[in-house]
Amino acid sequence: MKTFNDKGIKIEMVQSQIETNGLLTLLKVSVQPNFENKKHIHSNLTETFKVTDGTIKLRVGEGVICLEQGEAFSVNAGIPHHFINDTDKNVSFLVCVMPGSSEYEDLILNGGDI
């Protein structure tokens, strides 16, 4: 399993776009307390975040969505977004990217933003 681990974030590849015939890329993400990634945009990918442990905030466009364990939210292509763990506990979530993308996978596993 491919993994990236650095500066408060750990990302594990669960399913690659090759394994799903390009349908999706599935990642398991764990972030430490007070971690925030950079605001960014994916021009042709939709990301769905599903929290598996803890609480995470998604800043999507001009709004903020708070997701707790078991809740999910999709960010459509072209929408600026980033996530924030402003709690004092680790947070884990799944990220499903559609369609799957080898470029996205390479970027993420080399330290790029989800």
N, C-alpha and C. Protein backbone atom coordinates (compact mmCIF):
# COMPACT_ATOMS: atom_id res chain seq x y z
N MET A 1 0.85 -1.18 0.00
CA MET A 1 0.00 0.00 0.00
C MET A 1 0.89 1.24 0.00
N LYS A 2 0.65 2.16 -0.92
CA LYS A 2 1.42 3.39 -0.99
C LYS A 2 0.96 4.35 0.11
N THR A 3 1.94 5.03 0.73
CA THR A 3 1.66 5.91 1.86
C THR A 3 2.51 7.17 1.77
N PHE A 4 1.92 8.29 2.20
CA PHE A 4 2.64 9.55 2.40
C PHE A 4 2.43 9.95 3.84
N ASN A 5 3.50 10.30 4.54
CA ASN A 5 3.40 10.67 5.95
C ASN A 5 4.34 11.84 6.22
N ASP A 6 3.78 13.01 6.55
CA ASP A 6 4.63 14.17 6.76
C ASP A 6 3.85 15.31 7.41
N LYS A 7 4.48 16.00 8.33
CA LYS A 7 3.98 17.26 8.89
C LYS A 7 2.51 17.24 9.28
N GLY A 8 2.11 16.25 10.06
CA GLY A 8 0.76 16.23 10.60
C GLY A 8 -0.27 15.50 9.78
N ILE A 9 0.13 14.92 8.65
CA ILE A 9 -0.84 14.22 7.80
C ILE A 9 -0.26 12.88 7.32
N LYS A 10 -1.12 11.87 7.32
CA LYS A 10 -0.75 10.57 6.77
C LYS A 10 -1.82 10.19 5.75
N ILE A 11 -1.38 9.81 4.55
CA ILE A 11 -2.29 9.45 3.47
C ILE A 11 -1.93 8.06 2.98
N GLU A 12 -2.93 7.17 2.94
CA GLU A 12 -2.72 5.82 2.45
C GLU A 12 -3.63 5.58 1.25
N MET A 13 -3.08 5.00 0.21
CA MET A 13 -3.87 4.62 -0.97
C MET A 13 -4.64 3.35 -0.63
N VAL A 14 -5.96 3.40 -0.72
CA VAL A 14 -6.80 2.23 -0.48
C VAL A 14 -7.08 1.54 -1.81
N GLN A 15 -7.48 2.33 -2.81
CA GLN A 15 -7.70 1.82 -4.16
C GLN A 15 -7.21 2.85 -5.16
N SER A 16 -6.43 2.41 -6.12
CA SER A 16 -5.92 3.32 -7.14
C SER A 16 -6.85 3.34 -8.35
N GLN A 17 -6.65 4.32 -9.20
CA GLN A 17 -7.45 4.41 -10.41
C GLN A 17 -7.22 3.20 -11.31
N ILE A 18 -6.03 2.60 -11.24
CA ILE A 18 -5.77 1.38 -12.03
C ILE A 18 -6.64 0.23 -11.53
N GLU A 19 -6.75 0.10 -10.20
CA GLU A 19 -7.55 -0.99 -9.61
C GLU A 19 -9.04 -0.84 -9.89
N THR A 20 -9.50 0.40 -10.14
CA THR A 20 -10.93 0.64 -10.36
C THR A 20 -11.23 0.98 -11.82
N ASN A 21 -10.27 0.68 -12.71
CA ASN A 21 -10.44 0.98 -14.14
C ASN A 21 -10.79 2.45 -14.39
N GLY A 22 -10.18 3.35 -13.60
CA GLY A 22 -10.38 4.77 -13.79
C GLY A 22 -11.62 5.35 -13.13
N LEU A 23 -12.43 4.50 -12.49
CA LEU A 23 -13.66 4.98 -11.87
C LEU A 23 -13.38 5.95 -10.72
N LEU A 24 -12.44 5.57 -9.84
CA LEU A 24 -12.18 6.39 -8.66
C LEU A 24 -10.79 6.13 -8.11
N THR A 25 -10.38 7.02 -7.20
CA THR A 25 -9.21 6.85 -6.35
C THR A 25 -9.74 6.96 -4.93
N LEU A 26 -9.34 6.01 -4.05
CA LEU A 26 -9.81 6.03 -2.67
C LEU A 26 -8.61 6.11 -1.74
N LEU A 27 -8.64 7.12 -0.85
CA LEU A 27 -7.56 7.36 0.10
C LEU A 27 -8.08 7.32 1.53
N LYS A 28 -7.22 6.87 2.45
CA LYS A 28 -7.49 6.97 3.88
C LYS A 28 -6.54 8.04 4.41
N VAL A 29 -7.09 9.04 5.09
CA VAL A 29 -6.31 10.18 5.56
C VAL A 29 -6.45 10.30 7.07
N SER A 30 -5.33 10.55 7.73
CA SER A 30 -5.32 10.84 9.17
C SER A 30 -4.57 12.15 9.37
N VAL A 31 -5.16 13.05 10.15
CA VAL A 31 -4.50 14.33 10.42
C VAL A 31 -4.43 14.57 11.92
N GLN A 32 -3.34 15.19 12.33
CA GLN A 32 -3.11 15.51 13.73
C GLN A 32 -3.89 16.76 14.12
N PRO A 33 -4.01 16.98 15.44
CA PRO A 33 -4.70 18.19 15.90
C PRO A 33 -4.08 19.46 15.31
N ASN A 34 -4.95 20.44 15.09
CA ASN A 34 -4.55 21.76 14.60
C ASN A 34 -3.84 21.71 13.25
N PHE A 35 -4.26 20.77 12.40
CA PHE A 35 -3.71 20.67 11.05
C PHE A 35 -4.68 21.30 10.06
N GLU A 36 -4.13 21.99 9.08
CA GLU A 36 -4.94 22.60 8.03
C GLU A 36 -4.16 22.50 6.72
N ASN A 37 -4.81 22.00 5.68
CA ASN A 37 -4.12 21.97 4.38
C ASN A 37 -4.40 23.27 3.63
N LYS A 38 -3.69 23.47 2.53
CA LYS A 38 -3.83 24.70 1.75
C LYS A 38 -5.10 24.69 0.91
N LYS A 39 -5.70 25.84 0.77
CA LYS A 39 -6.86 26.00 -0.10
C LYS A 39 -6.43 25.71 -1.54
N HIS A 40 -7.25 24.94 -2.24
CA HIS A 40 -6.90 24.55 -3.60
C HIS A 40 -8.16 24.21 -4.40
N ILE A 41 -7.98 23.99 -5.69
CA ILE A 41 -9.08 23.66 -6.61
C ILE A 41 -8.65 22.48 -7.47
N HIS A 42 -9.57 21.56 -7.72
CA HIS A 42 -9.35 20.49 -8.70
C HIS A 42 -10.26 20.81 -9.89
N SER A 43 -9.67 21.00 -11.04
CA SER A 43 -10.45 21.46 -12.19
C SER A 43 -11.39 20.41 -12.78
N ASN A 44 -11.07 19.14 -12.60
CA ASN A 44 -11.92 18.12 -13.22
C ASN A 44 -12.18 16.91 -12.33
N LEU A 45 -12.05 17.08 -11.02
CA LEU A 45 -12.27 15.97 -10.09
C LEU A 45 -13.29 16.36 -9.01
N THR A 46 -14.12 15.42 -8.63
CA THR A 46 -15.01 15.59 -7.48
C THR A 46 -14.44 14.79 -6.33
N GLU A 47 -14.33 15.41 -5.15
CA GLU A 47 -13.83 14.73 -3.96
C GLU A 47 -14.97 14.57 -2.96
N THR A 48 -15.10 13.36 -2.43
CA THR A 48 -16.06 13.12 -1.35
C THR A 48 -15.28 12.75 -0.10
N PHE A 49 -15.54 13.49 0.97
CA PHE A 49 -14.89 13.28 2.25
C PHE A 49 -15.88 12.57 3.18
N LYS A 50 -15.46 11.44 3.79
CA LYS A 50 -16.31 10.74 4.76
C LYS A 50 -15.49 10.50 6.02
N VAL A 51 -15.94 11.09 7.13
CA VAL A 51 -15.22 11.01 8.39
C VAL A 51 -15.42 9.63 9.02
N THR A 52 -14.31 9.01 9.39
CA THR A 52 -14.36 7.69 10.05
C THR A 52 -14.07 7.79 11.54
N ASP A 53 -13.42 8.89 11.97
CA ASP A 53 -13.14 9.08 13.39
C ASP A 53 -12.86 10.56 13.65
N GLY A 54 -13.62 11.16 14.56
CA GLY A 54 -13.40 12.55 14.93
C GLY A 54 -14.31 13.52 14.19
N THR A 55 -13.88 14.77 14.13
CA THR A 55 -14.63 15.84 13.51
C THR A 55 -13.68 16.69 12.66
N ILE A 56 -14.10 17.02 11.45
CA ILE A 56 -13.27 17.84 10.55
C ILE A 56 -14.13 18.96 9.98
N LYS A 57 -13.51 20.08 9.73
CA LYS A 57 -14.20 21.18 9.05
C LYS A 57 -13.70 21.25 7.62
N LEU A 58 -14.64 21.45 6.70
CA LEU A 58 -14.31 21.70 5.30
C LEU A 58 -14.69 23.14 4.99
N ARG A 59 -13.75 23.89 4.50
CA ARG A 59 -14.06 25.22 4.00
C ARG A 59 -14.26 25.05 2.50
N VAL A 60 -15.49 25.26 2.05
CA VAL A 60 -15.87 25.01 0.66
C VAL A 60 -16.44 26.32 0.11
N GLY A 61 -15.74 26.88 -0.89
CA GLY A 61 -16.15 28.19 -1.38
C GLY A 61 -16.09 29.19 -0.24
N GLU A 62 -17.20 29.85 0.05
CA GLU A 62 -17.26 30.83 1.14
C GLU A 62 -17.82 30.24 2.43
N GLY A 63 -18.25 28.97 2.40
CA GLY A 63 -18.89 28.37 3.56
C GLY A 63 -17.98 27.39 4.30
N VAL A 64 -18.45 26.99 5.50
CA VAL A 64 -17.75 26.00 6.31
C VAL A 64 -18.74 24.90 6.67
N ILE A 65 -18.32 23.66 6.44
CA ILE A 65 -19.14 22.50 6.77
C ILE A 65 -18.40 21.69 7.82
N CYS A 66 -19.08 21.34 8.90
CA CYS A 66 -18.50 20.53 9.96
C CYS A 66 -19.01 19.10 9.81
N LEU A 67 -18.08 18.17 9.65
CA LEU A 67 -18.45 16.76 9.48
C LEU A 67 -18.00 15.95 10.68
N GLU A 68 -18.92 15.15 11.21
CA GLU A 68 -18.60 14.26 12.32
C GLU A 68 -18.55 12.82 11.81
N GLN A 69 -18.14 11.92 12.68
CA GLN A 69 -18.00 10.52 12.30
C GLN A 69 -19.25 10.01 11.59
N GLY A 70 -19.03 9.38 10.42
CA GLY A 70 -20.12 8.81 9.63
C GLY A 70 -20.71 9.77 8.62
N GLU A 71 -20.41 11.06 8.71
CA GLU A 71 -20.96 12.04 7.77
C GLU A 71 -20.03 12.22 6.58
N ALA A 72 -20.63 12.62 5.45
CA ALA A 72 -19.86 12.79 4.22
C ALA A 72 -20.31 14.06 3.50
N PHE A 73 -19.41 14.58 2.67
CA PHE A 73 -19.73 15.75 1.85
C PHE A 73 -18.88 15.69 0.59
N SER A 74 -19.49 16.05 -0.54
CA SER A 74 -18.77 16.06 -1.82
C SER A 74 -18.48 17.49 -2.26
N VAL A 75 -17.26 17.68 -2.74
CA VAL A 75 -16.83 18.97 -3.29
C VAL A 75 -16.69 18.79 -4.80
N ASN A 76 -17.50 19.51 -5.55
CA ASN A 76 -17.48 19.38 -7.01
C ASN A 76 -16.25 20.04 -7.61
N ALA A 77 -15.91 19.62 -8.80
CA ALA A 77 -14.78 20.19 -9.53
C ALA A 77 -14.94 21.70 -9.65
N GLY A 78 -13.82 22.41 -9.55
CA GLY A 78 -13.83 23.86 -9.74
C GLY A 78 -14.15 24.68 -8.50
N ILE A 79 -14.42 24.03 -7.37
CA ILE A 79 -14.77 24.74 -6.14
C ILE A 79 -13.55 24.80 -5.22
N PRO A 80 -13.13 26.00 -4.78
CA PRO A 80 -12.01 26.09 -3.85
C PRO A 80 -12.37 25.45 -2.51
N HIS A 81 -11.43 24.72 -1.93
CA HIS A 81 -11.72 24.04 -0.67
C HIS A 81 -10.43 23.68 0.06
N HIS A 82 -10.58 23.39 1.34
CA HIS A 82 -9.53 22.79 2.16
C HIS A 82 -10.15 22.30 3.45
N PHE A 83 -9.40 21.47 4.18
CA PHE A 83 -9.94 20.94 5.44
C PHE A 83 -9.10 21.41 6.61
N ILE A 84 -9.76 21.40 7.79
CA ILE A 84 -9.15 21.92 9.01
C ILE A 84 -9.50 20.98 10.16
N ASN A 85 -8.49 20.54 10.89
CA ASN A 85 -8.73 19.83 12.15
C ASN A 85 -8.35 20.81 13.26
N ASP A 86 -9.34 21.52 13.78
CA ASP A 86 -9.07 22.48 14.85
C ASP A 86 -9.40 21.90 16.23
N THR A 87 -9.43 20.56 16.30
CA THR A 87 -9.67 19.88 17.57
C THR A 87 -8.34 19.49 18.21
N ASP A 88 -8.43 18.90 19.40
CA ASP A 88 -7.22 18.43 20.08
C ASP A 88 -7.02 16.93 19.91
N LYS A 89 -7.71 16.34 18.91
CA LYS A 89 -7.61 14.90 18.66
C LYS A 89 -7.30 14.64 17.19
N ASN A 90 -6.71 13.48 16.93
CA ASN A 90 -6.50 13.06 15.54
C ASN A 90 -7.85 12.84 14.87
N VAL A 91 -7.90 13.07 13.57
CA VAL A 91 -9.10 12.86 12.77
C VAL A 91 -8.74 11.95 11.61
N SER A 92 -9.64 11.01 11.29
CA SER A 92 -9.45 10.12 10.15
C SER A 92 -10.65 10.23 9.23
N PHE A 93 -10.38 10.19 7.92
CA PHE A 93 -11.47 10.24 6.96
C PHE A 93 -11.03 9.58 5.66
N LEU A 94 -12.02 9.20 4.88
CA LEU A 94 -11.79 8.67 3.54
C LEU A 94 -12.01 9.78 2.54
N VAL A 95 -11.23 9.75 1.46
CA VAL A 95 -11.42 10.68 0.35
C VAL A 95 -11.60 9.84 -0.90
N CYS A 96 -12.76 9.98 -1.53
CA CYS A 96 -13.05 9.30 -2.79
C CYS A 96 -13.00 10.35 -3.90
N VAL A 97 -12.12 10.13 -4.85
CA VAL A 97 -11.93 11.07 -5.96
C VAL A 97 -12.51 10.44 -7.22
N MET A 98 -13.38 11.18 -7.90
CA MET A 98 -13.99 10.67 -9.13
C MET A 98 -13.86 11.72 -10.22
N PRO A 99 -13.45 11.33 -11.40
CA PRO A 99 -12.95 10.01 -11.74
C PRO A 99 -11.57 9.79 -11.13
N GLY A 100 -11.13 8.54 -11.12
CA GLY A 100 -9.79 8.23 -10.63
C GLY A 100 -8.75 8.94 -11.50
N SER A 101 -7.62 9.26 -10.89
CA SER A 101 -6.61 10.03 -11.62
C SER A 101 -5.21 9.65 -11.16
N SER A 102 -4.39 9.18 -12.08
CA SER A 102 -3.01 8.86 -11.73
C SER A 102 -2.23 10.14 -11.40
N GLU A 103 -2.54 11.25 -12.07
CA GLU A 103 -1.88 12.52 -11.76
C GLU A 103 -2.19 12.95 -10.32
N TYR A 104 -3.44 12.85 -9.92
CA TYR A 104 -3.85 13.18 -8.55
C TYR A 104 -3.12 12.27 -7.57
N GLU A 105 -3.10 10.98 -7.85
CA GLU A 105 -2.43 10.02 -6.96
C GLU A 105 -0.96 10.36 -6.80
N ASP A 106 -0.28 10.65 -7.89
CA ASP A 106 1.14 11.00 -7.83
C ASP A 106 1.35 12.27 -7.02
N LEU A 107 0.51 13.27 -7.25
CA LEU A 107 0.61 14.53 -6.53
C LEU A 107 0.44 14.32 -5.03
N ILE A 108 -0.61 13.62 -4.64
CA ILE A 108 -0.93 13.41 -3.23
C ILE A 108 0.16 12.62 -2.53
N LEU A 109 0.62 11.57 -3.15
CA LEU A 109 1.61 10.71 -2.50
C LEU A 109 3.02 11.32 -2.53
N ASN A 110 3.13 12.50 -3.13
CA ASN A 110 4.40 13.24 -3.10
C ASN A 110 4.26 14.57 -2.36
N GLY A 111 3.20 14.70 -1.54
CA GLY A 111 3.08 15.86 -0.67
C GLY A 111 2.17 16.97 -1.15
N GLY A 112 1.44 16.76 -2.25
CA GLY A 112 0.49 17.77 -2.72
C GLY A 112 -0.76 17.79 -1.87
N ASP A 113 -1.61 18.79 -2.07
CA ASP A 113 -2.83 18.93 -1.27
C ASP A 113 -3.97 18.08 -1.80
N ILE A 114 -4.72 17.53 -0.84
CA ILE A 114 -5.91 16.75 -1.15
C ILE A 114 -7.00 17.72 -1.56
